[in-house]
Amino acid sequence: MTEEHYIDLHIHSLHSEDGEFAPVQLVEQGWQAGLGIMAITDHNSVKANAEAQRAAERVGIKYIPGIEIDCIYQGVELHVLGYGIDFHDPVFTEIEENVIRQHQEVSQQRLLRFNQLGFNVTAAELDALDHGGVWGQIWTGEKFAEALLNKAEYFEHELLKPYRPGGARSDNPLVNFYWDFCAQGKPGYVKINYPEFSEAIKIIHGTGGRAVLAHPGANLAKNHGLFAELAQSGLDGVEVGSSYHSRESAAYFYQQGLTYKLMLTGGSDYHGKTKPAIRLGQYERLLPDQEVEAQLIKAGLIPTR
């Protein structure tokens, strides 16, 4: 087991709309990568936790039940990680069913948006990309990217060149396409009514969990000033280490975390094929994993050795 790959607290399974692998596969990958502590934090879903917890126990990995809840604060979309939650609580089923229903409606609107941009993509082409996931008939930005990049007539399309090999956005082409076309304020964006930040915090705390702000360097890229308000509104921690963070960004949120006495965590945000450049356990680190583990123990999220 290598120290640099010891902890990963931000991993997605096929129970996320943009994840690839089954929970037991992720535990096996984590064991091979040298993880000693891990958490699967699917978007608005806790379905991976029971399977992952059993698999992790078999191979000797300390497993922390998790979720990543999409939410809103002053009009800004955020992601809040919940660790140590009671994933059997029915509130999480309500969250997932609500988001799935909205995603199905949004998918149709997003299809219209992309065709209005001058592309020609069909529902059948998008459905054909569902390779065993659990979010059928939901068309994410990543699915649109995959469909468009696979169409021969678009091999030389100017809008798609950055995502092809050698292009400026080719390291993780599918998710980069999502951020460029479907994120808040982009041409393919369609609003989903997520819970308020305060409600997400209440749900996590109400189910025995700890609330950690995910990859603030991405979601607060233009709103760093909001962090002070968020830090004093019920957050227990901040994700300092992230595949989305440069060393400078990680250093900034490290200092912010110290200022507001927050737990400092880290995770790769591993998804599989939608982020091929990202590997389990690999993300920008500013503090040793042993220090992260000590904080997890103090927070009651894992037992002592």
Protein backbone atom coordinates (compact mmCIF):
# COMPACT_ATOMS: atom_id res chain seq x y z
CA MET A 1 0.00 0.00 0.00
CA THR A 2 1.50 3.35 -1.05
CA GLU A 3 1.11 6.37 1.19
CA GLU A 4 0.28 8.70 -1.69
CA HIS A 5 -2.78 6.61 -2.62
CA TYR A 6 -3.94 5.82 0.90
CA ILE A 7 -7.17 7.86 1.13
CA ASP A 8 -9.83 8.74 -1.46
CA LEU A 9 -13.06 10.24 -0.16
CA HIS A 10 -14.70 11.23 -3.46
CA ILE A 11 -15.53 8.35 -5.80
CA HIS A 12 -18.51 7.73 -8.10
CA SER A 13 -20.15 4.44 -9.10
CA LEU A 14 -22.74 3.64 -11.77
CA HIS A 15 -25.33 4.87 -9.28
CA SER A 16 -24.26 8.37 -10.36
CA GLU A 17 -25.68 9.51 -13.68
CA ASP A 18 -22.13 9.92 -15.01
CA GLY A 19 -20.38 7.02 -13.27
CA GLU A 20 -19.18 3.78 -14.86
CA PHE A 21 -18.31 1.04 -12.38
CA ALA A 22 -20.29 -1.07 -9.92
CA PRO A 23 -19.50 -0.47 -6.22
CA VAL A 24 -17.74 -3.81 -5.78
CA GLN A 25 -15.57 -3.04 -8.82
CA LEU A 26 -14.54 0.27 -7.27
CA VAL A 27 -13.57 -1.43 -4.02
CA GLU A 28 -11.44 -3.91 -5.97
CA GLN A 29 -9.84 -1.06 -7.92
CA GLY A 30 -9.28 0.80 -4.67
CA TRP A 31 -7.59 -2.20 -3.07
CA GLN A 32 -5.31 -2.58 -6.09
CA ALA A 33 -4.49 1.14 -5.96
CA GLY A 34 -3.48 0.87 -2.31
CA LEU A 35 -6.44 2.60 -0.70
CA GLY A 36 -6.85 2.06 3.02
CA ILE A 37 -9.79 4.44 3.46
CA MET A 38 -12.42 5.21 0.84
CA ALA A 39 -15.90 6.63 0.34
CA ILE A 40 -18.27 6.29 -2.60
CA THR A 41 -20.14 9.58 -2.89
CA ASP A 42 -22.64 9.23 -5.70
CA HIS A 43 -24.63 12.19 -6.98
CA ASN A 44 -27.86 12.32 -4.97
CA SER A 45 -27.83 8.56 -4.37
CA VAL A 46 -26.79 6.25 -1.52
CA LYS A 47 -27.43 2.97 -3.33
CA ALA A 48 -23.74 2.04 -3.62
CA ASN A 49 -23.02 2.10 0.09
CA ALA A 50 -24.33 -1.25 1.32
CA GLU A 51 -22.54 -3.22 -1.42
CA ALA A 52 -19.35 -1.19 -1.11
CA GLN A 53 -19.29 -1.48 2.67
CA ARG A 54 -19.48 -5.28 2.51
CA ALA A 55 -16.83 -5.48 -0.21
CA ALA A 56 -14.49 -3.13 1.65
CA GLU A 57 -14.76 -5.17 4.82
CA ARG A 58 -13.72 -8.30 2.90
CA VAL A 59 -10.50 -6.70 1.62
CA GLY A 60 -9.65 -4.70 4.74
CA ILE A 61 -10.45 -1.18 3.53
CA LYS A 62 -12.04 1.25 5.99
CA TYR A 63 -15.22 2.42 4.28
CA ILE A 64 -17.13 5.65 5.01
CA PRO A 65 -20.73 5.76 3.72
CA GLY A 66 -21.23 8.83 1.55
CA ILE A 67 -23.30 10.90 -0.86
CA GLU A 68 -22.79 14.05 -2.93
CA ILE A 69 -25.86 16.28 -2.79
CA ASP A 70 -26.39 18.94 -5.45
CA CYS A 71 -27.76 22.11 -3.88
CA ILE A 72 -28.12 25.87 -4.31
CA TYR A 73 -26.78 28.84 -2.35
CA GLN A 74 -27.72 32.34 -3.50
CA GLY A 75 -28.26 31.06 -7.02
CA VAL A 76 -24.91 29.25 -7.20
CA GLU A 77 -24.96 25.49 -7.71
CA LEU A 78 -22.84 23.64 -5.16
CA HIS A 79 -22.03 20.05 -4.27
CA VAL A 80 -21.97 18.99 -0.62
CA LEU A 81 -20.48 15.68 0.43
CA GLY A 82 -22.15 13.81 3.28
CA TYR A 83 -19.92 11.38 5.22
CA GLY A 84 -20.93 8.87 7.85
CA ILE A 85 -24.61 9.20 6.98
CA ASP A 86 -27.29 6.64 7.84
CA PHE A 87 -27.81 5.62 4.22
CA HIS A 88 -30.90 3.59 5.15
CA ASP A 89 -32.83 6.77 5.94
CA PRO A 90 -35.77 7.19 3.49
CA VAL A 91 -34.91 10.86 2.96
CA PHE A 92 -32.20 9.75 0.53
CA THR A 93 -34.69 7.78 -1.56
CA GLU A 94 -36.80 10.94 -1.81
CA ILE A 95 -33.78 12.96 -2.94
CA GLU A 96 -32.83 10.45 -5.63
CA GLU A 97 -36.36 9.99 -7.00
CA ASN A 98 -36.85 13.75 -7.22
CA VAL A 99 -33.57 14.28 -9.08
CA ILE A 100 -34.19 11.38 -11.49
CA ARG A 101 -37.63 12.72 -12.36
CA GLN A 102 -36.22 16.16 -13.09
CA HIS A 103 -33.27 14.76 -15.06
CA GLN A 104 -35.67 12.91 -17.34
CA GLU A 105 -37.49 16.15 -18.10
CA VAL A 106 -34.27 18.12 -18.49
CA SER A 107 -32.87 15.55 -20.91
CA GLN A 108 -35.56 16.36 -23.45
CA GLN A 109 -34.94 20.09 -23.10
CA ARG A 110 -31.18 19.60 -23.41
CA LEU A 111 -31.67 17.62 -26.62
CA LEU A 112 -33.56 20.59 -28.05
CA ARG A 113 -30.80 23.01 -26.94
CA PHE A 114 -28.06 21.04 -28.67
CA ASN A 115 -29.96 20.70 -31.90
CA GLN A 116 -30.61 24.45 -31.79
CA LEU A 117 -26.83 24.90 -31.59
CA GLY A 118 -26.65 23.32 -35.04
CA PHE A 119 -25.91 19.72 -34.09
CA ASN A 120 -28.02 16.77 -35.16
CA VAL A 121 -28.25 14.20 -32.38
CA THR A 122 -31.17 11.84 -31.73
CA ALA A 123 -32.70 10.20 -28.68
CA ALA A 124 -31.82 6.78 -30.10
CA GLU A 125 -28.13 7.70 -30.38
CA LEU A 126 -28.09 8.87 -26.77
CA ASP A 127 -29.95 5.83 -25.45
CA ALA A 128 -27.44 3.57 -27.21
CA LEU A 129 -24.72 4.92 -24.87
CA ASP A 130 -26.37 3.46 -21.76
CA HIS A 131 -23.92 0.63 -21.07
CA GLY A 132 -25.49 -0.96 -18.03
CA GLY A 133 -25.87 2.14 -15.91
CA VAL A 134 -28.90 2.74 -13.72
CA TRP A 135 -29.84 6.13 -15.14
CA GLY A 136 -31.44 5.01 -18.40
CA GLN A 137 -33.21 7.61 -20.55
CA ILE A 138 -31.25 10.36 -18.83
CA TRP A 139 -28.93 12.21 -21.17
CA THR A 140 -26.11 13.94 -19.38
CA GLY A 141 -23.75 16.45 -20.91
CA GLU A 142 -21.17 13.66 -21.03
CA LYS A 143 -23.53 11.50 -23.11
CA PHE A 144 -24.05 14.35 -25.57
CA ALA A 145 -20.28 14.72 -25.82
CA GLU A 146 -19.79 11.02 -26.49
CA ALA A 147 -22.54 10.93 -29.11
CA LEU A 148 -21.27 14.00 -30.95
CA LEU A 149 -17.61 13.00 -30.83
CA ASN A 150 -18.52 9.61 -32.32
CA LYS A 151 -20.40 11.05 -35.32
CA ALA A 152 -18.27 10.94 -38.47
CA GLU A 153 -19.77 14.14 -39.86
CA TYR A 154 -18.43 16.07 -36.85
CA PHE A 155 -14.80 14.87 -36.96
CA GLU A 156 -13.69 18.32 -38.13
CA HIS A 157 -16.31 20.40 -36.31
CA GLU A 158 -14.67 23.48 -34.78
CA LEU A 159 -16.65 23.32 -31.53
CA LEU A 160 -15.52 19.74 -30.94
CA LYS A 161 -11.83 20.07 -31.81
CA PRO A 162 -10.77 21.01 -28.24
CA TYR A 163 -12.05 17.62 -27.01
CA ARG A 164 -10.28 15.47 -29.59
CA PRO A 165 -6.78 14.02 -29.00
CA GLY A 166 -4.27 16.84 -28.70
CA GLY A 167 -6.94 19.46 -28.10
CA ALA A 168 -6.87 21.87 -25.20
CA ARG A 169 -9.71 20.05 -23.40
CA SER A 170 -8.78 16.50 -24.39
CA ASP A 171 -7.46 15.27 -21.02
CA ASN A 172 -10.99 14.53 -19.78
CA PRO A 173 -13.01 15.30 -22.92
CA LEU A 174 -16.46 14.15 -21.83
CA VAL A 175 -16.63 15.94 -18.49
CA ASN A 176 -14.84 18.99 -19.91
CA PHE A 177 -17.54 19.17 -22.57
CA TYR A 178 -20.13 19.07 -19.77
CA TRP A 179 -18.48 22.00 -17.96
CA ASP A 180 -18.16 23.99 -21.21
CA PHE A 181 -21.67 23.37 -22.56
CA CYS A 182 -23.99 22.20 -19.78
CA ALA A 183 -22.80 23.82 -16.55
CA GLN A 184 -24.62 26.77 -15.04
CA GLY A 185 -24.62 29.70 -17.49
CA LYS A 186 -23.57 27.64 -20.52
CA PRO A 187 -25.64 27.22 -23.75
CA GLY A 188 -26.79 23.68 -22.98
CA TYR A 189 -27.65 24.38 -19.33
CA VAL A 190 -31.15 23.53 -18.15
CA LYS A 191 -32.09 24.34 -14.57
CA ILE A 192 -32.88 21.59 -12.08
CA ASN A 193 -34.53 22.52 -8.79
CA TYR A 194 -32.02 21.31 -6.23
CA PRO A 195 -32.51 21.80 -2.48
CA GLU A 196 -31.11 24.84 -0.76
CA PHE A 197 -27.65 24.54 0.78
CA SER A 198 -29.15 24.81 4.26
CA GLU A 199 -31.53 21.92 3.53
CA ALA A 200 -28.68 19.72 2.28
CA ILE A 201 -26.75 20.43 5.49
CA LYS A 202 -29.84 19.66 7.57
CA ILE A 203 -30.36 16.31 5.80
CA ILE A 204 -26.73 15.25 6.28
CA HIS A 205 -26.65 16.24 9.94
CA GLY A 206 -30.09 14.75 10.53
CA THR A 207 -28.84 11.36 9.35
CA GLY A 208 -25.76 11.44 11.56
CA GLY A 209 -23.32 12.66 8.92
CA ARG A 210 -20.69 15.33 8.42
CA ALA A 211 -21.09 17.92 5.63
CA VAL A 212 -18.08 18.79 3.47
CA LEU A 213 -18.05 21.27 0.58
CA ALA A 214 -16.89 19.47 -2.57
CA HIS A 215 -14.27 20.91 -4.97
CA PRO A 216 -14.89 24.59 -4.11
CA GLY A 217 -12.21 25.58 -6.60
CA ALA A 218 -14.61 24.50 -9.36
CA ASN A 219 -17.99 25.63 -8.04
CA LEU A 220 -16.72 28.83 -6.44
CA ALA A 221 -14.24 29.73 -9.17
CA LYS A 222 -15.92 33.13 -9.60
CA ASN A 223 -17.40 33.36 -6.11
CA HIS A 224 -14.59 32.78 -3.60
CA GLY A 225 -16.19 35.41 -1.40
CA LEU A 226 -19.10 33.09 -0.68
CA PHE A 227 -16.90 30.62 1.14
CA ALA A 228 -16.87 32.57 4.41
CA GLU A 229 -20.66 32.52 4.50
CA LEU A 230 -20.81 28.81 3.69
CA ALA A 231 -18.18 27.96 6.29
CA GLN A 232 -20.27 29.59 8.98
CA SER A 233 -23.56 28.04 7.86
CA GLY A 234 -23.16 24.50 9.09
CA LEU A 235 -20.26 23.06 7.12
CA ASP A 236 -18.08 20.56 8.95
CA GLY A 237 -15.32 20.43 6.36
CA VAL A 238 -13.91 21.46 3.01
CA GLU A 239 -12.48 19.28 0.24
CA VAL A 240 -9.00 20.74 -0.13
CA GLY A 241 -7.48 17.95 -2.18
CA SER A 242 -9.25 17.51 -5.52
CA SER A 243 -8.49 16.62 -9.11
CA TYR A 244 -10.17 19.94 -9.93
CA HIS A 245 -7.76 21.96 -7.79
CA SER A 246 -4.46 23.42 -8.82
CA ARG A 247 -1.87 23.62 -6.04
CA GLU A 248 -2.69 27.31 -5.66
CA SER A 249 -6.41 26.62 -5.34
CA ALA A 250 -5.80 23.81 -2.86
CA ALA A 251 -3.57 26.12 -0.81
CA TYR A 252 -6.25 28.80 -0.73
CA PHE A 253 -8.96 26.48 0.57
CA TYR A 254 -6.49 24.85 2.95
CA GLN A 255 -5.97 28.22 4.59
CA GLN A 256 -9.69 28.95 4.54
CA GLY A 257 -10.34 25.61 6.21
CA LEU A 258 -7.85 26.41 8.94
CA THR A 259 -9.35 29.86 9.43
CA TYR A 260 -12.83 28.47 10.01
CA LYS A 261 -11.64 25.36 11.87
CA LEU A 262 -13.04 22.92 9.32
CA MET A 263 -12.11 19.31 8.68
CA LEU A 264 -9.80 19.12 5.65
CA THR A 265 -10.44 16.25 3.24
CA GLY A 266 -9.46 15.12 -0.24
CA GLY A 267 -10.67 12.95 -3.08
CA SER A 268 -10.10 12.21 -6.74
CA ASP A 269 -13.71 12.60 -7.96
CA TYR A 270 -13.12 9.40 -9.93
CA HIS A 271 -15.88 8.49 -12.41
CA GLY A 272 -14.31 6.13 -14.91
CA LYS A 273 -14.65 6.83 -18.62
CA THR A 274 -16.05 10.35 -18.24
CA LYS A 275 -12.77 11.41 -16.60
CA PRO A 276 -10.09 9.12 -18.07
CA ALA A 277 -7.17 11.23 -16.82
CA ILE A 278 -8.26 10.79 -13.19
CA ARG A 279 -7.16 7.77 -11.17
CA LEU A 280 -8.27 6.53 -7.78
CA GLY A 281 -6.27 8.11 -5.00
CA GLN A 282 -4.69 10.73 -7.24
CA TYR A 283 -5.39 14.38 -6.48
CA GLU A 284 -3.59 17.51 -5.34
CA ARG A 285 -2.47 16.98 -1.73
CA LEU A 286 -1.26 19.62 0.71
CA LEU A 287 -1.42 17.57 3.90
CA PRO A 288 -0.34 13.98 4.53
CA ASP A 289 -3.00 11.29 4.46
CA GLN A 290 -2.12 10.45 8.07
CA GLU A 291 -3.34 13.91 9.07
CA VAL A 292 -6.56 13.44 7.11
CA GLU A 293 -7.04 10.08 8.83
CA ALA A 294 -6.56 11.72 12.24
CA GLN A 295 -9.29 14.21 11.41
CA LEU A 296 -11.61 11.42 10.26
CA ILE A 297 -11.04 9.60 13.55
CA LYS A 298 -11.68 12.77 15.55
CA ALA A 299 -14.92 13.30 13.60
CA GLY A 300 -16.02 9.76 14.44
CA LEU A 301 -16.06 8.70 10.77
CA ILE A 302 -13.62 5.81 11.12
CA PRO A 303 -12.42 3.81 14.13
CA THR A 304 -8.89 4.04 15.45
CA ARG A 305 -6.39 1.55 14.09
